Amino acid sequence: MTDTAKDWSPGAYDRFRDVRLRPALDLLARLARPKGPVVDLGCGSGAAGPALRALAGQARLTGLDSSPAMLVKAEATGAYDALEQADIALWQPEVPPALIFSNAALHWLGGHATLLPRLAGLLAPGGTLAVQVPHQNNAPSHRIWHSLVEEHFPGRFDPATAPGIERPATYHAMLSPLGQLDLWEVDYYQVLPKAEEGHPVRLFTQSTFARPVLDSLPEDEQAQLVALYDEVIEAAYPRSADGSVLFPFRRLFFTLRPRA
């Protein structure tokens, strides 16, 4: 997680822990055991910590995040040898890692053309940069937040500041000259369970993508926007008879092993 106007809510984020964790596990399944220190970059609440611990073996595992609340949760997993509160864009490891693993964090930072080569350059020789980021901004789940805030509260939020990523071809052009690149996308057809209050897709996105949108408004207007979103999102993601929702969600992955 990265710096935002307010600290993250681990409880809201972990409401959908299983579907958020699956891409991390899928990325880990592509990786060999690292021969040196491992860094969980943007570790959040530490959901991937136990699986990273299993992959790392006896190697030192460090979790890094900007959110104090998330780091408290990560510490409770017992998976990490160390936890650091730091800004990913400025972070500099004391010892070059054999693996930098980042799940659903780097889309919160801009300047990927500078950031990603810098992260790759921090690796030990033979090391791997492994990244997963959401690629969902063009889907109704995300576009509707922006269209509603612009319609009802114009000028209050700048969509250019929203978390997001480049096109896959851009990452290929950016990273393939650096070394061995494996780049892929997956559409996850997630089933979100019935919510006691509100639409499940709203609850999923409100705790992540919509945070900057809502933070731009006072509490009363936040409530108005949430109610509007609940009304509109039903047509895009209808609830089934049991109240659950099928929610397609696209994610982009890559692993990079820089040349020596």
C-alpha atoms as a PDB file:
ATOM      1  CA  MET A   1       0.000   0.000   0.000  1.00  0.00           C
ATOM      2  CA  THR A   2       1.152   3.523  -0.584  1.00  0.00           C
ATOM      3  CA  ASP A   3       0.585   6.905   0.985  1.00  0.00           C
ATOM      4  CA  THR A   4      -2.929   8.339   0.712  1.00  0.00           C
ATOM      5  CA  ALA A   5      -4.849  11.029   2.559  1.00  0.00           C
ATOM      6  CA  LYS A   6      -5.920   8.602   5.278  1.00  0.00           C
ATOM      7  CA  ASP A   7      -4.482   5.341   6.545  1.00  0.00           C
ATOM      8  CA  TRP A   8      -5.813   2.085   5.149  1.00  0.00           C
ATOM      9  CA  SER A   9      -8.538   0.060   6.850  1.00  0.00           C
ATOM     10  CA  PRO A  10      -7.242  -3.527   7.140  1.00  0.00           C
ATOM     11  CA  GLY A  11     -10.733  -4.780   8.005  1.00  0.00           C
ATOM     12  CA  ALA A  12     -12.336  -3.289   4.888  1.00  0.00           C
ATOM     13  CA  TYR A  13      -9.482  -4.486   2.681  1.00  0.00           C
ATOM     14  CA  ASP A  14      -9.494  -8.028   4.120  1.00  0.00           C
ATOM     15  CA  ARG A  15     -13.258  -8.446   3.672  1.00  0.00           C
ATOM     16  CA  PHE A  16     -12.387 -10.059   0.330  1.00  0.00           C
ATOM     17  CA  ARG A  17      -9.115 -11.604   1.492  1.00  0.00           C
ATOM     18  CA  ASP A  18      -9.435 -14.847  -0.470  1.00  0.00           C
ATOM     19  CA  VAL A  19     -10.069 -13.304  -3.895  1.00  0.00           C
ATOM     20  CA  ARG A  20      -7.374 -10.674  -3.303  1.00  0.00           C
ATOM     21  CA  LEU A  21      -4.868 -13.352  -2.275  1.00  0.00           C
ATOM     22  CA  ARG A  22      -5.368 -15.689  -5.222  1.00  0.00           C
ATOM     23  CA  PRO A  23      -3.364 -13.605  -7.750  1.00  0.00           C
ATOM     24  CA  ALA A  24      -0.480 -13.404  -5.273  1.00  0.00           C
ATOM     25  CA  LEU A  25      -0.453 -17.177  -4.931  1.00  0.00           C
ATOM     26  CA  ASP A  26      -0.621 -17.590  -8.700  1.00  0.00           C
ATOM     27  CA  LEU A  27       2.400 -15.327  -9.100  1.00  0.00           C
ATOM     28  CA  LEU A  28       4.324 -17.163  -6.386  1.00  0.00           C
ATOM     29  CA  ALA A  29       3.659 -20.456  -8.169  1.00  0.00           C
ATOM     30  CA  ARG A  30       5.755 -19.151 -11.094  1.00  0.00           C
ATOM     31  CA  LEU A  31       8.812 -18.505  -8.927  1.00  0.00           C
ATOM     32  CA  ALA A  32      11.755 -20.690  -7.953  1.00  0.00           C
ATOM     33  CA  ARG A  33      13.135 -20.607  -4.410  1.00  0.00           C
ATOM     34  CA  PRO A  34      15.245 -17.439  -4.141  1.00  0.00           C
ATOM     35  CA  LYS A  35      18.903 -17.719  -3.183  1.00  0.00           C
ATOM     36  CA  GLY A  36      18.932 -14.786  -0.836  1.00  0.00           C
ATOM     37  CA  PRO A  37      16.783 -12.148   0.898  1.00  0.00           C
ATOM     38  CA  VAL A  38      13.150 -11.617  -0.121  1.00  0.00           C
ATOM     39  CA  VAL A  39      11.201  -8.355   0.047  1.00  0.00           C
ATOM     40  CA  ASP A  40       7.397  -8.161   0.028  1.00  0.00           C
ATOM     41  CA  LEU A  41       7.051  -4.694  -1.480  1.00  0.00           C
ATOM     42  CA  GLY A  42       3.719  -3.159  -0.447  1.00  0.00           C
ATOM     43  CA  CYS A  43       2.987  -6.067   1.864  1.00  0.00           C
ATOM     44  CA  GLY A  44      -0.283  -4.607   3.164  1.00  0.00           C
ATOM     45  CA  SER A  45      -1.809  -6.737   5.902  1.00  0.00           C
ATOM     46  CA  GLY A  46       0.636  -9.553   5.176  1.00  0.00           C
ATOM     47  CA  ALA A  47      -1.831 -11.843   3.423  1.00  0.00           C
ATOM     48  CA  ALA A  48       0.894 -13.214   1.159  1.00  0.00           C
ATOM     49  CA  GLY A  49       3.393 -13.435   4.014  1.00  0.00           C
ATOM     50  CA  PRO A  50       2.924 -17.107   4.949  1.00  0.00           C
ATOM     51  CA  ALA A  51       3.200 -18.240   1.313  1.00  0.00           C
ATOM     52  CA  LEU A  52       6.272 -16.040   0.808  1.00  0.00           C
ATOM     53  CA  ARG A  53       7.756 -17.497   3.995  1.00  0.00           C
ATOM     54  CA  ALA A  54       7.314 -20.994   2.576  1.00  0.00           C
ATOM     55  CA  LEU A  55       8.978 -19.967  -0.689  1.00  0.00           C
ATOM     56  CA  ALA A  56      11.835 -18.106   0.998  1.00  0.00           C
ATOM     57  CA  GLY A  57      12.758 -20.971   3.306  1.00  0.00           C
ATOM     58  CA  GLN A  58      15.521 -19.778   5.649  1.00  0.00           C
ATOM     59  CA  ALA A  59      16.152 -16.593   3.646  1.00  0.00           C
ATOM     60  CA  ARG A  60      15.376 -13.283   5.341  1.00  0.00           C
ATOM     61  CA  LEU A  61      11.853 -12.039   4.513  1.00  0.00           C
ATOM     62  CA  THR A  62      11.117  -8.320   4.883  1.00  0.00           C
ATOM     63  CA  GLY A  63       7.724  -6.688   4.449  1.00  0.00           C
ATOM     64  CA  LEU A  64       7.573  -3.048   3.417  1.00  0.00           C
ATOM     65  CA  ASP A  65       4.533  -0.775   3.441  1.00  0.00           C
ATOM     66  CA  SER A  66       3.642   2.869   4.034  1.00  0.00           C
ATOM     67  CA  SER A  67       0.552   2.078   6.157  1.00  0.00           C
ATOM     68  CA  PRO A  68       1.099   1.709   9.919  1.00  0.00           C
ATOM     69  CA  ALA A  69      -2.275  -0.034  10.335  1.00  0.00           C
ATOM     70  CA  MET A  70      -1.431  -2.581   7.656  1.00  0.00           C
ATOM     71  CA  LEU A  71       1.991  -3.256   9.141  1.00  0.00           C
ATOM     72  CA  VAL A  72       0.409  -4.068  12.511  1.00  0.00           C
ATOM     73  CA  LYS A  73      -1.694  -6.724  10.779  1.00  0.00           C
ATOM     74  CA  ALA A  74       1.321  -8.004   8.838  1.00  0.00           C
ATOM     75  CA  GLU A  75       3.306  -8.393  12.049  1.00  0.00           C
ATOM     76  CA  ALA A  76       0.521 -10.543  13.502  1.00  0.00           C
ATOM     77  CA  THR A  77       1.041 -13.143  10.751  1.00  0.00           C
ATOM     78  CA  GLY A  78       4.454 -14.022  12.171  1.00  0.00           C
ATOM     79  CA  ALA A  79       5.730 -14.568   8.640  1.00  0.00           C
ATOM     80  CA  TYR A  80       8.250 -11.744   8.413  1.00  0.00           C
ATOM     81  CA  ASP A  81      11.741 -11.389   9.849  1.00  0.00           C
ATOM     82  CA  ALA A  82      11.403  -7.611   9.601  1.00  0.00           C
ATOM     83  CA  LEU A  83       8.809  -4.993   8.689  1.00  0.00           C
ATOM     84  CA  GLU A  84       9.563  -1.484   7.451  1.00  0.00           C
ATOM     85  CA  GLN A  85       7.362   1.566   7.054  1.00  0.00           C
ATOM     86  CA  ALA A  86       8.645   3.252   3.916  1.00  0.00           C
ATOM     87  CA  ASP A  87       7.723   4.810   0.585  1.00  0.00           C
ATOM     88  CA  ILE A  88       8.309   2.352  -2.264  1.00  0.00           C
ATOM     89  CA  ALA A  89       9.426   5.171  -4.552  1.00  0.00           C
ATOM     90  CA  LEU A  90      12.278   6.061  -2.174  1.00  0.00           C
ATOM     91  CA  TRP A  91      13.084   2.678  -0.657  1.00  0.00           C
ATOM     92  CA  GLN A  92      16.673   1.454  -0.756  1.00  0.00           C
ATOM     93  CA  PRO A  93      17.511  -2.006   0.678  1.00  0.00           C
ATOM     94  CA  GLU A  94      20.571  -2.456   2.874  1.00  0.00           C
ATOM     95  CA  VAL A  95      21.298  -5.787   1.162  1.00  0.00           C
ATOM     96  CA  PRO A  96      20.367  -6.476  -2.495  1.00  0.00           C
ATOM     97  CA  PRO A  97      17.380  -8.873  -2.498  1.00  0.00           C
ATOM     98  CA  ALA A  98      17.219 -12.094  -4.495  1.00  0.00           C
ATOM     99  CA  LEU A  99      13.472 -11.523  -4.935  1.00  0.00           C
ATOM    100  CA  ILE A 100      11.390  -8.360  -4.889  1.00  0.00           C
ATOM    101  CA  PHE A 101       7.756  -9.441  -4.821  1.00  0.00           C
ATOM    102  CA  SER A 102       4.985  -6.869  -5.209  1.00  0.00           C
ATOM    103  CA  ASN A 103       1.314  -7.815  -5.232  1.00  0.00           C
ATOM    104  CA  ALA A 104      -1.323  -5.132  -5.952  1.00  0.00           C
ATOM    105  CA  ALA A 105       0.784  -2.172  -4.869  1.00  0.00           C
ATOM    106  CA  LEU A 106       2.719  -0.555  -7.719  1.00  0.00           C
ATOM    107  CA  HIS A 107      -0.387   0.787  -9.496  1.00  0.00           C
ATOM    108  CA  TRP A 108      -0.581   3.343  -6.669  1.00  0.00           C
ATOM    109  CA  LEU A 109       2.698   4.861  -7.843  1.00  0.00           C
ATOM    110  CA  GLY A 110       3.279   6.798 -11.034  1.00  0.00           C
ATOM    111  CA  GLY A 111       6.424   7.065 -13.130  1.00  0.00           C
ATOM    112  CA  HIS A 112       6.765   3.360 -13.893  1.00  0.00           C
ATOM    113  CA  ALA A 113       9.264   4.079 -16.675  1.00  0.00           C
ATOM    114  CA  THR A 114      11.651   5.222 -13.912  1.00  0.00           C
ATOM    115  CA  LEU A 115      10.374   3.193 -10.959  1.00  0.00           C
ATOM    116  CA  LEU A 116      10.500  -0.309 -12.441  1.00  0.00           C
ATOM    117  CA  PRO A 117      14.045  -0.125 -13.849  1.00  0.00           C
ATOM    118  CA  ARG A 118      15.133   1.325 -10.492  1.00  0.00           C
ATOM    119  CA  LEU A 119      13.584  -1.614  -8.610  1.00  0.00           C
ATOM    120  CA  ALA A 120      15.178  -4.078 -11.024  1.00  0.00           C
ATOM    121  CA  GLY A 121      18.521  -2.387 -10.417  1.00  0.00           C
ATOM    122  CA  LEU A 122      18.232  -3.036  -6.669  1.00  0.00           C
ATOM    123  CA  LEU A 123      18.277  -6.816  -7.119  1.00  0.00           C
ATOM    124  CA  ALA A 124      21.213  -9.056  -6.388  1.00  0.00           C
ATOM    125  CA  PRO A 125      22.797 -10.695  -9.460  1.00  0.00           C
ATOM    126  CA  GLY A 126      20.425 -13.387 -10.731  1.00  0.00           C
ATOM    127  CA  GLY A 127      17.539 -11.891  -8.768  1.00  0.00           C
ATOM    128  CA  THR A 128      13.894 -11.559  -9.828  1.00  0.00           C
ATOM    129  CA  LEU A 129      11.351  -8.748  -9.777  1.00  0.00           C
ATOM    130  CA  ALA A 130       7.841 -10.290  -9.600  1.00  0.00           C
ATOM    131  CA  VAL A 131       4.826  -7.981  -9.889  1.00  0.00           C
ATOM    132  CA  GLN A 132       1.044  -8.182 -10.039  1.00  0.00           C
ATOM    133  CA  VAL A 133      -1.127  -5.097 -10.557  1.00  0.00           C
ATOM    134  CA  PRO A 134      -4.856  -4.641 -11.262  1.00  0.00           C
ATOM    135  CA  HIS A 135      -5.707  -3.762 -14.867  1.00  0.00           C
ATOM    136  CA  GLN A 136      -9.342  -2.895 -14.231  1.00  0.00           C
ATOM    137  CA  ASN A 137      -9.645   0.857 -14.741  1.00  0.00           C
ATOM    138  CA  ASN A 138     -11.646   0.565 -17.977  1.00  0.00           C
ATOM    139  CA  ALA A 139     -14.239  -1.747 -16.396  1.00  0.00           C
ATOM    140  CA  PRO A 140     -17.600  -0.409 -15.117  1.00  0.00           C
ATOM    141  CA  SER A 141     -16.592  -1.147 -11.516  1.00  0.00           C
ATOM    142  CA  HIS A 142     -13.957   1.586 -11.724  1.00  0.00           C
ATOM    143  CA  ARG A 143     -15.221   3.948 -14.439  1.00  0.00           C
ATOM    144  CA  ILE A 144     -18.521   4.510 -12.633  1.00  0.00           C
ATOM    145  CA  TRP A 145     -16.788   5.981  -9.581  1.00  0.00           C
ATOM    146  CA  HIS A 146     -15.174   8.601 -11.805  1.00  0.00           C
ATOM    147  CA  SER A 147     -18.241   9.345 -13.885  1.00  0.00           C
ATOM    148  CA  LEU A 148     -20.456   9.785 -10.817  1.00  0.00           C
ATOM    149  CA  VAL A 149     -18.074  12.082  -8.946  1.00  0.00           C
ATOM    150  CA  GLU A 150     -17.630  14.227 -12.056  1.00  0.00           C
ATOM    151  CA  GLU A 151     -21.394  14.393 -12.678  1.00  0.00           C
ATOM    152  CA  HIS A 152     -22.474  15.192  -9.121  1.00  0.00           C
ATOM    153  CA  PHE A 153     -19.378  16.883  -7.662  1.00  0.00           C
ATOM    154  CA  PRO A 154     -17.572  18.342 -10.689  1.00  0.00           C
ATOM    155  CA  GLY A 155     -14.006  19.485 -10.266  1.00  0.00           C
ATOM    156  CA  ARG A 156     -13.552  17.815  -6.894  1.00  0.00           C
ATOM    157  CA  PHE A 157     -11.523  14.824  -8.092  1.00  0.00           C
ATOM    158  CA  ASP A 158      -8.959  14.573 -10.882  1.00  0.00           C
ATOM    159  CA  PRO A 159      -9.093  11.127 -12.582  1.00  0.00           C
ATOM    160  CA  ALA A 160      -5.481  11.610 -13.668  1.00  0.00           C
ATOM    161  CA  THR A 161      -4.490  11.061 -10.031  1.00  0.00           C
ATOM    162  CA  ALA A 162      -6.254   7.679  -9.813  1.00  0.00           C
ATOM    163  CA  PRO A 163      -4.193   4.511  -9.366  1.00  0.00           C
ATOM    164  CA  GLY A 164      -3.558   2.800 -12.681  1.00  0.00           C
ATOM    165  CA  ILE A 165      -1.052   1.180 -14.997  1.00  0.00           C
ATOM    166  CA  GLU A 166       0.229   1.339 -18.564  1.00  0.00           C
ATOM    167  CA  ARG A 167      -0.777  -0.950 -21.431  1.00  0.00           C
ATOM    168  CA  PRO A 168       0.940  -4.369 -21.468  1.00  0.00           C
ATOM    169  CA  ALA A 169       2.790  -3.462 -24.683  1.00  0.00           C
ATOM    170  CA  THR A 170       4.244  -0.448 -22.895  1.00  0.00           C
ATOM    171  CA  TYR A 171       5.658  -2.647 -20.143  1.00  0.00           C
ATOM    172  CA  HIS A 172       7.089  -5.027 -22.729  1.00  0.00           C
ATOM    173  CA  ALA A 173       8.888  -2.166 -24.478  1.00  0.00           C
ATOM    174  CA  MET A 174      10.022  -0.755 -21.142  1.00  0.00           C
ATOM    175  CA  LEU A 175      11.291  -3.940 -19.488  1.00  0.00           C
ATOM    176  CA  SER A 176      12.317  -6.460 -22.150  1.00  0.00           C
ATOM    177  CA  PRO A 177      15.598  -4.613 -22.872  1.00  0.00           C
ATOM    178  CA  LEU A 178      16.553  -5.084 -19.203  1.00  0.00           C
ATOM    179  CA  GLY A 179      16.571  -8.870 -19.162  1.00  0.00           C
ATOM    180  CA  GLN A 180      14.368 -11.965 -19.254  1.00  0.00           C
ATOM    181  CA  LEU A 181      10.752 -10.767 -19.127  1.00  0.00           C
ATOM    182  CA  ASP A 182       7.613 -12.877 -18.757  1.00  0.00           C
ATOM    183  CA  LEU A 183       4.432 -10.786 -19.090  1.00  0.00           C
ATOM    184  CA  TRP A 184       0.829 -11.995 -18.919  1.00  0.00           C
ATOM    185  CA  GLU A 185      -2.740 -11.070 -17.981  1.00  0.00           C
ATOM    186  CA  VAL A 186      -5.505 -13.055 -16.281  1.00  0.00           C
ATOM    187  CA  ASP A 187      -9.244 -12.374 -16.037  1.00  0.00           C
ATOM    188  CA  TYR A 188     -10.447 -13.657 -12.660  1.00  0.00           C
ATOM    189  CA  TYR A 189     -14.162 -14.415 -12.478  1.00  0.00           C
ATOM    190  CA  GLN A 190     -14.593 -13.687  -8.807  1.00  0.00           C
ATOM    191  CA  VAL A 191     -17.760 -14.529  -6.907  1.00  0.00           C
ATOM    192  CA  LEU A 192     -18.331 -11.904  -4.258  1.00  0.00           C
ATOM    193  CA  PRO A 193     -20.617 -13.030  -1.414  1.00  0.00           C
ATOM    194  CA  LYS A 194     -23.858 -11.343  -0.447  1.00  0.00           C
ATOM    195  CA  ALA A 195     -23.421  -8.159   1.554  1.00  0.00           C
ATOM    196  CA  GLU A 196     -25.723  -7.199   4.394  1.00  0.00           C
ATOM    197  CA  GLU A 197     -25.648  -3.577   3.260  1.00  0.00           C
ATOM    198  CA  GLY A 198     -24.690  -2.272  -0.172  1.00  0.00           C
ATOM    199  CA  HIS A 199     -23.604  -3.876  -3.419  1.00  0.00           C
ATOM    200  CA  PRO A 200     -20.658  -6.329  -3.127  1.00  0.00           C
ATOM    201  CA  VAL A 201     -18.740  -4.650  -5.974  1.00  0.00           C
ATOM    202  CA  ARG A 202     -19.056  -1.306  -4.211  1.00  0.00           C
ATOM    203  CA  LEU A 203     -17.639  -2.804  -1.029  1.00  0.00           C
ATOM    204  CA  PHE A 204     -14.772  -4.376  -2.981  1.00  0.00           C
ATOM    205  CA  THR A 205     -13.787  -1.188  -4.809  1.00  0.00           C
ATOM    206  CA  GLN A 206     -14.577   1.274  -2.017  1.00  0.00           C
ATOM    207  CA  SER A 207     -11.717  -0.081   0.109  1.00  0.00           C
ATOM    208  CA  THR A 208      -9.137   0.271  -2.687  1.00  0.00           C
ATOM    209  CA  PHE A 209      -9.642   2.059  -6.015  1.00  0.00           C
ATOM    210  CA  ALA A 210     -12.341   4.451  -4.746  1.00  0.00           C
ATOM    211  CA  ARG A 211     -10.395   5.640  -1.691  1.00  0.00           C
ATOM    212  CA  PRO A 212      -8.905   8.729  -3.410  1.00  0.00           C
ATOM    213  CA  VAL A 213     -12.307   9.584  -4.908  1.00  0.00           C
ATOM    214  CA  LEU A 214     -14.049   9.438  -1.554  1.00  0.00           C
ATOM    215  CA  ASP A 215     -11.212  11.205   0.254  1.00  0.00           C
ATOM    216  CA  SER A 216     -11.790  14.223  -1.998  1.00  0.00           C
ATOM    217  CA  LEU A 217     -15.282  14.718  -0.502  1.00  0.00           C
ATOM    218  CA  PRO A 218     -16.633  15.535   2.967  1.00  0.00           C
ATOM    219  CA  GLU A 219     -18.480  12.759   4.790  1.00  0.00           C
ATOM    220  CA  ASP A 220     -21.990  13.786   3.764  1.00  0.00           C
ATOM    221  CA  GLU A 221     -21.043  13.876   0.084  1.00  0.00           C
ATOM    222  CA  GLN A 222     -19.179  10.587   0.423  1.00  0.00           C
ATOM    223  CA  ALA A 223     -22.441   9.022   1.615  1.00  0.00           C
ATOM    224  CA  GLN A 224     -24.299  10.501  -1.369  1.00  0.00           C
ATOM    225  CA  LEU A 225     -21.732   9.128  -3.804  1.00  0.00           C
ATOM    226  CA  VAL A 226     -21.812   5.670  -2.230  1.00  0.00           C
ATOM    227  CA  ALA A 227     -25.621   5.582  -2.494  1.00  0.00           C
ATOM    228  CA  LEU A 228     -25.466   6.654  -6.145  1.00  0.00           C
ATOM    229  CA  TYR A 229     -22.862   4.010  -6.921  1.00  0.00           C
ATOM    230  CA  ASP A 230     -24.988   1.286  -5.298  1.00  0.00           C
ATOM    231  CA  GLU A 231     -27.886   2.262  -7.559  1.00  0.00           C
ATOM    232  CA  VAL A 232     -25.924   2.375 -10.803  1.00  0.00           C
ATOM    233  CA  ILE A 233     -23.642  -0.627 -10.319  1.00  0.00           C
ATOM    234  CA  GLU A 234     -26.555  -3.073 -10.107  1.00  0.00           C
ATOM    235  CA  ALA A 235     -27.095  -2.906 -13.886  1.00  0.00           C
ATOM    236  CA  ALA A 236     -23.429  -3.654 -14.620  1.00  0.00           C
ATOM    237  CA  TYR A 237     -23.048  -6.458 -12.060  1.00  0.00           C
ATOM    238  CA  PRO A 238     -26.476  -7.908 -11.221  1.00  0.00           C
ATOM    239  CA  ARG A 239     -26.861  -9.914  -8.055  1.00  0.00           C
ATOM    240  CA  SER A 240     -27.847 -13.557  -8.259  1.00  0.00           C
ATOM    241  CA  ALA A 241     -30.738 -15.046  -6.308  1.00  0.00           C
ATOM    242  CA  ASP A 242     -28.531 -15.640  -3.252  1.00  0.00           C
ATOM    243  CA  GLY A 243     -27.205 -12.074  -3.324  1.00  0.00           C
ATOM    244  CA  SER A 244     -23.735 -12.941  -4.617  1.00  0.00           C
ATOM    245  CA  VAL A 245     -22.183 -11.260  -7.661  1.00  0.00           C
ATOM    246  CA  LEU A 246     -19.971 -12.554 -10.452  1.00  0.00           C
ATOM    247  CA  PHE A 247     -17.267  -9.907 -10.745  1.00  0.00           C
ATOM    248  CA  PRO A 248     -14.726 -10.256 -13.589  1.00  0.00           C
ATOM    249  CA  PHE A 249     -11.443  -8.631 -12.655  1.00  0.00           C
ATOM    250  CA  ARG A 250      -8.367  -8.335 -14.876  1.00  0.00           C
ATOM    251  CA  ARG A 251      -4.839  -8.391 -13.506  1.00  0.00           C
ATOM    252  CA  LEU A 252      -1.451  -7.948 -15.151  1.00  0.00           C
ATOM    253  CA  PHE A 253       1.614  -9.922 -14.084  1.00  0.00           C
ATOM    254  CA  PHE A 254       5.266  -9.927 -14.951  1.00  0.00           C
ATOM    255  CA  THR A 255       8.533 -11.416 -13.785  1.00  0.00           C
ATOM    256  CA  LEU A 256      11.845  -9.846 -14.761  1.00  0.00           C
ATOM    257  CA  ARG A 257      15.330 -11.267 -14.314  1.00  0.00           C
ATOM    258  CA  PRO A 258      17.743  -8.471 -15.209  1.00  0.00           C
ATOM    259  CA  ARG A 259      20.871  -9.233 -17.164  1.00  0.00           C
ATOM    260  CA  ALA A 260      24.064  -9.292 -15.141  1.00  0.00           C
END
